[in-house]
């Protein structure tokens, strides 16, 4: 039954209002990045771009080893993503294909761990990292996050629903080892799921604030969220420089979303129908 014209207008207005609320923080971050602090807090605040971006960027690089912090965020994000893709796909393959003792209990533990609040792991995680001597080292961020429960669950569900097991049996009949089957048969078919998991993992690592706050000590090792937070103080926060850093920090995620949005949606829905 077709919607009535006034119903369409109301839906369009609600969608427009929601889009405005969603986009406004991003837009004003970029606008404020091009103004001085005094202009940002003037009344009314600036609604269009100014000419202070390079000045704000210069101030930012004077206060922080900013480009090193960008490099640290990229390094930690790439390492976390690569390890997650490898280990989660292997674990998902094992849960989906093989039968072994305590399989159901182990998978229940993986799923159940997603229900626990992340801050419960903060103190035990810190004690383990400290005992290993990894405080103030980037490995303290990407190794504990190398096999996320969400990734294992996603891979298990995708392999179980989208990979024809007849292919695996045919490969075994041809003499392939289990590792060769994973590498040559399963892995090439995991493209949409790997792309989705990689994007989700990289975004989560890029935005992670609490983890670096707990284990990193020196400003040279800070990732971007922690470095930008260190610029804030009750009396002397350079908001223009802070907005410039925030705008640069958002650019990789916006570009990733623009270029990989279709892959993200395809990966989330592909496993719903068995091929």
C-alpha atoms as a PDB file:
ATOM      1  CA  UNK A   1       0.000   0.000   0.000  1.00  0.00           C
ATOM      2  CA  UNK A   2       1.497   3.344  -1.127  1.00  0.00           C
ATOM      3  CA  UNK A   3       2.328   5.917   1.545  1.00  0.00           C
ATOM      4  CA  UNK A   4       0.212   9.099   1.642  1.00  0.00           C
ATOM      5  CA  UNK A   5       1.903  12.340   0.412  1.00  0.00           C
ATOM      6  CA  UNK A   6       1.912  13.996   3.847  1.00  0.00           C
ATOM      7  CA  UNK A   7       3.394  10.830   5.327  1.00  0.00           C
ATOM      8  CA  UNK A   8       6.254  11.033   2.856  1.00  0.00           C
ATOM      9  CA  UNK A   9       6.888  14.675   3.779  1.00  0.00           C
ATOM     10  CA  UNK A  10       7.003  13.835   7.487  1.00  0.00           C
ATOM     11  CA  UNK A  11       9.385  10.953   6.828  1.00  0.00           C
ATOM     12  CA  UNK A  12      11.583  13.207   4.681  1.00  0.00           C
ATOM     13  CA  UNK A  13      11.649  15.893   7.394  1.00  0.00           C
ATOM     14  CA  UNK A  14      12.567  13.374  10.075  1.00  0.00           C
ATOM     15  CA  UNK A  15      15.314  11.927   7.892  1.00  0.00           C
ATOM     16  CA  UNK A  16      16.602  15.423   7.123  1.00  0.00           C
ATOM     17  CA  UNK A  17      16.639  16.352  10.832  1.00  0.00           C
ATOM     18  CA  UNK A  18      18.451  13.129  11.693  1.00  0.00           C
ATOM     19  CA  UNK A  19      21.018  13.712   8.951  1.00  0.00           C
ATOM     20  CA  UNK A  20      21.581  17.290  10.174  1.00  0.00           C
ATOM     21  CA  UNK A  21      22.171  16.108  13.764  1.00  0.00           C
ATOM     22  CA  UNK A  22      24.542  13.413  12.490  1.00  0.00           C
ATOM     23  CA  UNK A  23      26.600  15.653  10.203  1.00  0.00           C
ATOM     24  CA  UNK A  24      26.729  18.866  12.294  1.00  0.00           C
ATOM     25  CA  UNK A  25      29.517  17.765  14.722  1.00  0.00           C
ATOM     26  CA  UNK A  26      31.757  16.727  11.836  1.00  0.00           C
ATOM     27  CA  UNK A  27      31.079  19.942   9.910  1.00  0.00           C
ATOM     28  CA  UNK A  28      31.787  22.220  12.877  1.00  0.00           C
ATOM     29  CA  UNK A  29      34.980  20.309  13.718  1.00  0.00           C
ATOM     30  CA  UNK A  30      36.323  21.169  10.268  1.00  0.00           C
ATOM     31  CA  UNK A  31      35.027  24.768  10.463  1.00  0.00           C
ATOM     32  CA  UNK A  32      36.499  25.411  13.938  1.00  0.00           C
ATOM     33  CA  UNK A  33      39.819  23.917  12.799  1.00  0.00           C
ATOM     34  CA  UNK A  34      40.202  26.981  10.561  1.00  0.00           C
ATOM     35  CA  UNK A  35      39.565  29.608  13.292  1.00  0.00           C
ATOM     36  CA  UNK A  36      41.341  30.936  16.376  1.00  0.00           C
ATOM     37  CA  UNK A  37      40.086  30.179  19.880  1.00  0.00           C
ATOM     38  CA  UNK A  38      38.557  33.661  20.293  1.00  0.00           C
ATOM     39  CA  UNK A  39      36.566  33.282  17.080  1.00  0.00           C
ATOM     40  CA  UNK A  40      35.327  29.822  18.064  1.00  0.00           C
ATOM     41  CA  UNK A  41      33.823  31.165  21.310  1.00  0.00           C
ATOM     42  CA  UNK A  42      32.417  34.359  19.777  1.00  0.00           C
ATOM     43  CA  UNK A  43      28.676  34.892  19.531  1.00  0.00           C
ATOM     44  CA  UNK A  44      27.442  33.777  17.081  1.00  0.00           C
ATOM     45  CA  UNK A  45      30.140  31.173  16.379  1.00  0.00           C
ATOM     46  CA  UNK A  46      31.607  30.996  12.868  1.00  0.00           C
ATOM     47  CA  UNK A  47      29.523  29.001  10.414  1.00  0.00           C
ATOM     48  CA  UNK A  48      31.984  28.987   7.516  1.00  0.00           C
ATOM     49  CA  UNK A  49      35.654  28.200   7.056  1.00  0.00           C
ATOM     50  CA  UNK A  50      38.363  30.685   8.058  1.00  0.00           C
ATOM     51  CA  UNK A  51      42.049  31.067   7.221  1.00  0.00           C
ATOM     52  CA  UNK A  52      43.740  29.892  10.448  1.00  0.00           C
ATOM     53  CA  UNK A  53      44.144  26.194   9.690  1.00  0.00           C
ATOM     54  CA  UNK A  54      47.892  26.340   8.995  1.00  0.00           C
ATOM     55  CA  UNK A  55      48.410  28.498  12.111  1.00  0.00           C
ATOM     56  CA  UNK A  56      46.469  25.985  14.208  1.00  0.00           C
ATOM     57  CA  UNK A  57      48.447  23.123  12.697  1.00  0.00           C
ATOM     58  CA  UNK A  58      51.741  24.892  13.489  1.00  0.00           C
ATOM     59  CA  UNK A  59      50.626  25.411  17.082  1.00  0.00           C
ATOM     60  CA  UNK A  60      49.599  21.758  17.286  1.00  0.00           C
ATOM     61  CA  UNK A  61      52.991  20.522  16.098  1.00  0.00           C
ATOM     62  CA  UNK A  62      54.725  22.822  18.612  1.00  0.00           C
ATOM     63  CA  UNK A  63      52.760  21.319  21.505  1.00  0.00           C
ATOM     64  CA  UNK A  64      52.880  17.674  20.400  1.00  0.00           C
ATOM     65  CA  UNK A  65      54.975  15.279  18.307  1.00  0.00           C
ATOM     66  CA  UNK A  66      51.796  15.211  16.244  1.00  0.00           C
ATOM     67  CA  UNK A  67      52.969  13.383  13.129  1.00  0.00           C
ATOM     68  CA  UNK A  68      54.652  10.723  15.277  1.00  0.00           C
ATOM     69  CA  UNK A  69      51.336  10.303  17.105  1.00  0.00           C
ATOM     70  CA  UNK A  70      49.616   9.885  13.723  1.00  0.00           C
ATOM     71  CA  UNK A  71      52.201   7.236  12.801  1.00  0.00           C
ATOM     72  CA  UNK A  72      51.638   5.434  16.103  1.00  0.00           C
ATOM     73  CA  UNK A  73      47.884   5.315  15.498  1.00  0.00           C
ATOM     74  CA  UNK A  74      48.411   3.954  11.979  1.00  0.00           C
ATOM     75  CA  UNK A  75      50.952   1.366  13.177  1.00  0.00           C
ATOM     76  CA  UNK A  76      48.785   0.115  16.055  1.00  0.00           C
ATOM     77  CA  UNK A  77      45.678   0.088  13.839  1.00  0.00           C
ATOM     78  CA  UNK A  78      47.348  -1.883  11.038  1.00  0.00           C
ATOM     79  CA  UNK A  79      48.944  -4.407  13.410  1.00  0.00           C
ATOM     80  CA  UNK A  80      45.670  -4.926  15.299  1.00  0.00           C
ATOM     81  CA  UNK A  81      43.767  -5.362  12.026  1.00  0.00           C
ATOM     82  CA  UNK A  82      46.282  -7.783  10.483  1.00  0.00           C
ATOM     83  CA  UNK A  83      46.427  -9.980  13.597  1.00  0.00           C
ATOM     84  CA  UNK A  84      42.638  -9.979  13.950  1.00  0.00           C
ATOM     85  CA  UNK A  85      42.093 -10.992  10.327  1.00  0.00           C
ATOM     86  CA  UNK A  86      44.571 -13.873  10.596  1.00  0.00           C
ATOM     87  CA  UNK A  87      43.669 -15.262  14.027  1.00  0.00           C
ATOM     88  CA  UNK A  88      39.906 -14.683  13.860  1.00  0.00           C
ATOM     89  CA  UNK A  89      39.625 -16.336  10.439  1.00  0.00           C
ATOM     90  CA  UNK A  90      41.609 -19.356  11.698  1.00  0.00           C
ATOM     91  CA  UNK A  91      39.503 -19.620  14.866  1.00  0.00           C
ATOM     92  CA  UNK A  92      36.258 -19.137  12.910  1.00  0.00           C
ATOM     93  CA  UNK A  93      37.332 -21.852  10.465  1.00  0.00           C
ATOM     94  CA  UNK A  94      38.011 -24.268  13.332  1.00  0.00           C
ATOM     95  CA  UNK A  95      34.674 -23.577  15.036  1.00  0.00           C
ATOM     96  CA  UNK A  96      32.722 -23.833  11.768  1.00  0.00           C
ATOM     97  CA  UNK A  97      34.321 -26.918  10.208  1.00  0.00           C
ATOM     98  CA  UNK A  98      35.705 -29.237  12.894  1.00  0.00           C
ATOM     99  CA  UNK A  99      34.183 -31.235  15.724  1.00  0.00           C
ATOM    100  CA  UNK A 100      36.268 -31.430  18.905  1.00  0.00           C
ATOM    101  CA  UNK A 101      35.814 -31.768  22.655  1.00  0.00           C
ATOM    102  CA  UNK A 102      34.391 -28.764  24.497  1.00  0.00           C
ATOM    103  CA  UNK A 103      33.621 -27.029  21.183  1.00  0.00           C
ATOM    104  CA  UNK A 104      30.221 -25.789  22.314  1.00  0.00           C
ATOM    105  CA  UNK A 105      31.560 -24.642  25.678  1.00  0.00           C
ATOM    106  CA  UNK A 106      34.484 -22.798  24.115  1.00  0.00           C
ATOM    107  CA  UNK A 107      32.255 -21.052  21.581  1.00  0.00           C
ATOM    108  CA  UNK A 108      29.837 -20.125  24.368  1.00  0.00           C
ATOM    109  CA  UNK A 109      32.766 -18.550  26.248  1.00  0.00           C
ATOM    110  CA  UNK A 110      33.700 -16.554  23.131  1.00  0.00           C
ATOM    111  CA  UNK A 111      30.148 -15.287  22.670  1.00  0.00           C
ATOM    112  CA  UNK A 112      29.692 -14.689  26.407  1.00  0.00           C
ATOM    113  CA  UNK A 113      32.846 -12.571  26.587  1.00  0.00           C
ATOM    114  CA  UNK A 114      31.178 -10.051  24.263  1.00  0.00           C
ATOM    115  CA  UNK A 115      28.567  -9.426  26.959  1.00  0.00           C
ATOM    116  CA  UNK A 116      31.117  -8.342  29.577  1.00  0.00           C
ATOM    117  CA  UNK A 117      31.799  -4.605  30.002  1.00  0.00           C
ATOM    118  CA  UNK A 118      35.243  -3.804  28.644  1.00  0.00           C
ATOM    119  CA  UNK A 119      36.327  -1.927  31.788  1.00  0.00           C
ATOM    120  CA  UNK A 120      36.236  -5.210  33.772  1.00  0.00           C
ATOM    121  CA  UNK A 121      39.339  -6.269  31.857  1.00  0.00           C
ATOM    122  CA  UNK A 122      41.196  -3.037  32.581  1.00  0.00           C
ATOM    123  CA  UNK A 123      43.014  -3.943  35.827  1.00  0.00           C
ATOM    124  CA  UNK A 124      43.803  -7.624  34.952  1.00  0.00           C
ATOM    125  CA  UNK A 125      44.960  -6.494  31.525  1.00  0.00           C
ATOM    126  CA  UNK A 126      47.231  -3.856  33.029  1.00  0.00           C
ATOM    127  CA  UNK A 127      48.749  -6.379  35.485  1.00  0.00           C
ATOM    128  CA  UNK A 128      49.515  -8.834  32.676  1.00  0.00           C
ATOM    129  CA  UNK A 129      51.052  -6.143  30.455  1.00  0.00           C
ATOM    130  CA  UNK A 130      53.105  -4.829  33.379  1.00  0.00           C
ATOM    131  CA  UNK A 131      54.347  -8.339  34.228  1.00  0.00           C
ATOM    132  CA  UNK A 132      55.464  -8.779  30.610  1.00  0.00           C
ATOM    133  CA  UNK A 133      57.346  -5.462  30.675  1.00  0.00           C
ATOM    134  CA  UNK A 134      55.251  -3.983  27.862  1.00  0.00           C
ATOM    135  CA  UNK A 135      54.212  -0.735  29.584  1.00  0.00           C
ATOM    136  CA  UNK A 136      54.654   2.245  27.240  1.00  0.00           C
ATOM    137  CA  UNK A 137      55.094  -0.028  24.213  1.00  0.00           C
ATOM    138  CA  UNK A 138      52.633  -0.281  21.295  1.00  0.00           C
ATOM    139  CA  UNK A 139      52.589  -4.095  21.509  1.00  0.00           C
ATOM    140  CA  UNK A 140      50.658  -3.670  24.760  1.00  0.00           C
ATOM    141  CA  UNK A 141      47.786  -2.421  22.589  1.00  0.00           C
ATOM    142  CA  UNK A 142      47.721  -4.691  19.558  1.00  0.00           C
ATOM    143  CA  UNK A 143      48.704  -8.091  21.004  1.00  0.00           C
ATOM    144  CA  UNK A 144      45.923  -8.249  23.675  1.00  0.00           C
ATOM    145  CA  UNK A 145      43.457  -7.181  20.937  1.00  0.00           C
ATOM    146  CA  UNK A 146      44.759  -9.691  18.386  1.00  0.00           C
ATOM    147  CA  UNK A 147      41.793 -12.108  18.489  1.00  0.00           C
ATOM    148  CA  UNK A 148      38.588 -10.268  19.317  1.00  0.00           C
ATOM    149  CA  UNK A 149      35.471 -12.253  20.221  1.00  0.00           C
ATOM    150  CA  UNK A 150      33.394 -10.301  17.699  1.00  0.00           C
ATOM    151  CA  UNK A 151      35.786 -11.250  14.901  1.00  0.00           C
ATOM    152  CA  UNK A 152      35.773 -14.940  15.825  1.00  0.00           C
ATOM    153  CA  UNK A 153      31.972 -14.928  15.987  1.00  0.00           C
ATOM    154  CA  UNK A 154      31.670 -13.129  12.617  1.00  0.00           C
ATOM    155  CA  UNK A 155      34.070 -15.494  10.876  1.00  0.00           C
ATOM    156  CA  UNK A 156      32.475 -18.599  12.328  1.00  0.00           C
ATOM    157  CA  UNK A 157      29.011 -17.508  11.225  1.00  0.00           C
ATOM    158  CA  UNK A 158      30.175 -16.463   7.770  1.00  0.00           C
ATOM    159  CA  UNK A 159      32.097 -19.677   7.086  1.00  0.00           C
ATOM    160  CA  UNK A 160      29.249 -21.852   8.387  1.00  0.00           C
ATOM    161  CA  UNK A 161      26.639 -20.100   6.247  1.00  0.00           C
ATOM    162  CA  UNK A 162      28.454 -19.024   3.074  1.00  0.00           C
ATOM    163  CA  UNK A 163      31.208 -21.598   2.417  1.00  0.00           C
ATOM    164  CA  UNK A 164      30.007 -24.830   0.702  1.00  0.00           C
ATOM    165  CA  UNK A 165      31.467 -27.679   2.746  1.00  0.00           C
ATOM    166  CA  UNK A 166      31.407 -29.847  -0.394  1.00  0.00           C
ATOM    167  CA  UNK A 167      34.362 -27.769  -1.608  1.00  0.00           C
ATOM    168  CA  UNK A 168      36.324 -28.719   1.500  1.00  0.00           C
ATOM    169  CA  UNK A 169      35.516 -32.418   1.041  1.00  0.00           C
ATOM    170  CA  UNK A 170      36.579 -32.246  -2.607  1.00  0.00           C
ATOM    171  CA  UNK A 171      39.885 -30.609  -1.600  1.00  0.00           C
ATOM    172  CA  UNK A 172      40.505 -33.363   0.984  1.00  0.00           C
ATOM    173  CA  UNK A 173      39.858 -36.008  -1.672  1.00  0.00           C
ATOM    174  CA  UNK A 174      42.496 -34.292  -3.836  1.00  0.00           C
ATOM    175  CA  UNK A 175      45.022 -34.664  -1.012  1.00  0.00           C
ATOM    176  CA  UNK A 176      45.087 -31.102   0.349  1.00  0.00           C
ATOM    177  CA  UNK A 177      46.175 -30.662   3.949  1.00  0.00           C
ATOM    178  CA  UNK A 178      43.851 -28.769   6.301  1.00  0.00           C
ATOM    179  CA  UNK A 179      46.148 -25.733   6.286  1.00  0.00           C
ATOM    180  CA  UNK A 180      46.245 -25.783   2.480  1.00  0.00           C
ATOM    181  CA  UNK A 181      42.447 -25.999   2.387  1.00  0.00           C
ATOM    182  CA  UNK A 182      42.208 -22.936   4.613  1.00  0.00           C
ATOM    183  CA  UNK A 183      44.752 -20.946   2.617  1.00  0.00           C
ATOM    184  CA  UNK A 184      43.720 -21.937  -0.932  1.00  0.00           C
ATOM    185  CA  UNK A 185      39.993 -22.683  -0.650  1.00  0.00           C
ATOM    186  CA  UNK A 186      38.491 -20.881   2.338  1.00  0.00           C
ATOM    187  CA  UNK A 187      40.550 -17.697   2.531  1.00  0.00           C
ATOM    188  CA  UNK A 188      39.793 -16.507  -1.052  1.00  0.00           C
ATOM    189  CA  UNK A 189      36.050 -16.858  -0.336  1.00  0.00           C
ATOM    190  CA  UNK A 190      36.225 -14.756   2.838  1.00  0.00           C
ATOM    191  CA  UNK A 191      36.797 -11.451   1.033  1.00  0.00           C
ATOM    192  CA  UNK A 192      33.571  -9.627   2.080  1.00  0.00           C
ATOM    193  CA  UNK A 193      33.811 -10.821   5.692  1.00  0.00           C
ATOM    194  CA  UNK A 194      37.526  -9.990   5.938  1.00  0.00           C
ATOM    195  CA  UNK A 195      36.913  -6.528   4.476  1.00  0.00           C
ATOM    196  CA  UNK A 196      34.133  -5.838   6.962  1.00  0.00           C
ATOM    197  CA  UNK A 197      36.067  -7.154   9.950  1.00  0.00           C
ATOM    198  CA  UNK A 198      39.169  -5.240   8.888  1.00  0.00           C
ATOM    199  CA  UNK A 199      37.263  -1.975   8.630  1.00  0.00           C
ATOM    200  CA  UNK A 200      35.520  -2.464  11.989  1.00  0.00           C
ATOM    201  CA  UNK A 201      38.779  -3.428  13.712  1.00  0.00           C
ATOM    202  CA  UNK A 202      40.772  -0.524  12.297  1.00  0.00           C
ATOM    203  CA  UNK A 203      38.082   2.011  13.270  1.00  0.00           C
ATOM    204  CA  UNK A 204      37.887   0.591  16.805  1.00  0.00           C
ATOM    205  CA  UNK A 205      41.673   0.720  17.173  1.00  0.00           C
ATOM    206  CA  UNK A 206      41.875   4.249  15.729  1.00  0.00           C
ATOM    207  CA  UNK A 207      39.255   5.531  18.166  1.00  0.00           C
ATOM    208  CA  UNK A 208      40.532   3.603  21.186  1.00  0.00           C
ATOM    209  CA  UNK A 209      41.198   6.010  24.064  1.00  0.00           C
ATOM    210  CA  UNK A 210      41.040   3.955  27.269  1.00  0.00           C
ATOM    211  CA  UNK A 211      43.573   1.305  26.235  1.00  0.00           C
ATOM    212  CA  UNK A 212      46.390   3.782  25.443  1.00  0.00           C
ATOM    213  CA  UNK A 213      45.479   5.798  28.555  1.00  0.00           C
ATOM    214  CA  UNK A 214      46.135   2.738  30.743  1.00  0.00           C
ATOM    215  CA  UNK A 215      49.386   1.433  29.236  1.00  0.00           C
ATOM    216  CA  UNK A 216      51.171   4.347  27.531  1.00  0.00           C
ATOM    217  CA  UNK A 217      53.293   6.828  29.497  1.00  0.00           C
ATOM    218  CA  UNK A 218      55.373   9.039  27.185  1.00  0.00           C
ATOM    219  CA  UNK A 219      53.850  11.518  24.758  1.00  0.00           C
ATOM    220  CA  UNK A 220      56.029  10.150  21.933  1.00  0.00           C
ATOM    221  CA  UNK A 221      54.208   6.808  22.229  1.00  0.00           C
ATOM    222  CA  UNK A 222      50.712   8.310  22.430  1.00  0.00           C
ATOM    223  CA  UNK A 223      48.133   7.449  19.820  1.00  0.00           C
ATOM    224  CA  UNK A 224      46.056  10.327  18.420  1.00  0.00           C
ATOM    225  CA  UNK A 225      43.072  10.317  20.840  1.00  0.00           C
ATOM    226  CA  UNK A 226      45.377  10.341  23.865  1.00  0.00           C
ATOM    227  CA  UNK A 227      47.734  12.936  22.366  1.00  0.00           C
ATOM    228  CA  UNK A 228      44.854  15.322  21.594  1.00  0.00           C
ATOM    229  CA  UNK A 229      43.424  14.819  25.077  1.00  0.00           C
ATOM    230  CA  UNK A 230      46.786  15.770  26.596  1.00  0.00           C
ATOM    231  CA  UNK A 231      46.411  19.236  25.053  1.00  0.00           C
ATOM    232  CA  UNK A 232      43.363  20.000  27.171  1.00  0.00           C
ATOM    233  CA  UNK A 233      43.759  21.855  30.450  1.00  0.00           C
ATOM    234  CA  UNK A 234      41.282  23.799  32.628  1.00  0.00           C
ATOM    235  CA  UNK A 235      42.862  27.194  31.849  1.00  0.00           C
ATOM    236  CA  UNK A 236      44.746  27.060  28.562  1.00  0.00           C
ATOM    237  CA  UNK A 237      43.294  24.829  25.878  1.00  0.00           C
ATOM    238  CA  UNK A 238      44.071  25.864  22.314  1.00  0.00           C
ATOM    239  CA  UNK A 239      40.760  24.820  20.834  1.00  0.00           C
ATOM    240  CA  UNK A 240      41.658  25.800  17.291  1.00  0.00           C
ATOM    241  CA  UNK A 241      44.728  23.548  17.344  1.00  0.00           C
ATOM    242  CA  UNK A 242      42.718  20.814  19.031  1.00  0.00           C
ATOM    243  CA  UNK A 243      40.036  21.024  16.339  1.00  0.00           C
ATOM    244  CA  UNK A 244      42.713  20.923  13.622  1.00  0.00           C
ATOM    245  CA  UNK A 245      44.108  17.722  15.126  1.00  0.00           C
ATOM    246  CA  UNK A 246      40.620  16.243  15.457  1.00  0.00           C
ATOM    247  CA  UNK A 247      39.826  17.076  11.824  1.00  0.00           C
ATOM    248  CA  UNK A 248      43.008  15.346  10.633  1.00  0.00           C
ATOM    249  CA  UNK A 249      42.224  12.368  12.878  1.00  0.00           C
ATOM    250  CA  UNK A 250      38.763  12.023  11.312  1.00  0.00           C
ATOM    251  CA  UNK A 251      39.941  12.144   7.696  1.00  0.00           C
ATOM    252  CA  UNK A 252      41.159   8.496   7.402  1.00  0.00           C
ATOM    253  CA  UNK A 253      37.895   7.178   8.851  1.00  0.00           C
ATOM    254  CA  UNK A 254      35.745   9.366   6.576  1.00  0.00           C
ATOM    255  CA  UNK A 255      37.730   8.300   3.510  1.00  0.00           C
ATOM    256  CA  UNK A 256      37.532   4.638   4.569  1.00  0.00           C
ATOM    257  CA  UNK A 257      33.770   4.920   4.964  1.00  0.00           C
ATOM    258  CA  UNK A 258      33.331   6.676   1.599  1.00  0.00           C
ATOM    259  CA  UNK A 259      35.360   4.087  -0.312  1.00  0.00           C
ATOM    260  CA  UNK A 260      34.332   0.935   1.588  1.00  0.00           C
ATOM    261  CA  UNK A 261      30.714   1.597   2.606  1.00  0.00           C
ATOM    262  CA  UNK A 262      29.341  -0.806  -0.029  1.00  0.00           C
ATOM    263  CA  UNK A 263      31.823  -3.522   1.011  1.00  0.00           C
ATOM    264  CA  UNK A 264      30.870  -2.994   4.644  1.00  0.00           C
ATOM    265  CA  UNK A 265      27.163  -3.510   3.929  1.00  0.00           C
ATOM    266  CA  UNK A 266      27.876  -6.463   1.635  1.00  0.00           C
ATOM    267  CA  UNK A 267      30.032  -8.124   4.271  1.00  0.00           C
ATOM    268  CA  UNK A 268      27.398  -7.711   6.956  1.00  0.00           C
ATOM    269  CA  UNK A 269      24.660  -9.236   4.797  1.00  0.00           C
ATOM    270  CA  UNK A 270      26.509 -11.768   2.602  1.00  0.00           C
ATOM    271  CA  UNK A 271      26.556 -14.478   5.246  1.00  0.00           C
ATOM    272  CA  UNK A 272      22.801 -14.291   5.689  1.00  0.00           C
ATOM    273  CA  UNK A 273      22.170 -16.407   2.569  1.00  0.00           C
ATOM    274  CA  UNK A 274      24.053 -19.576   1.934  1.00  0.00           C
ATOM    275  CA  UNK A 275      25.653 -19.546  -1.536  1.00  0.00           C
END
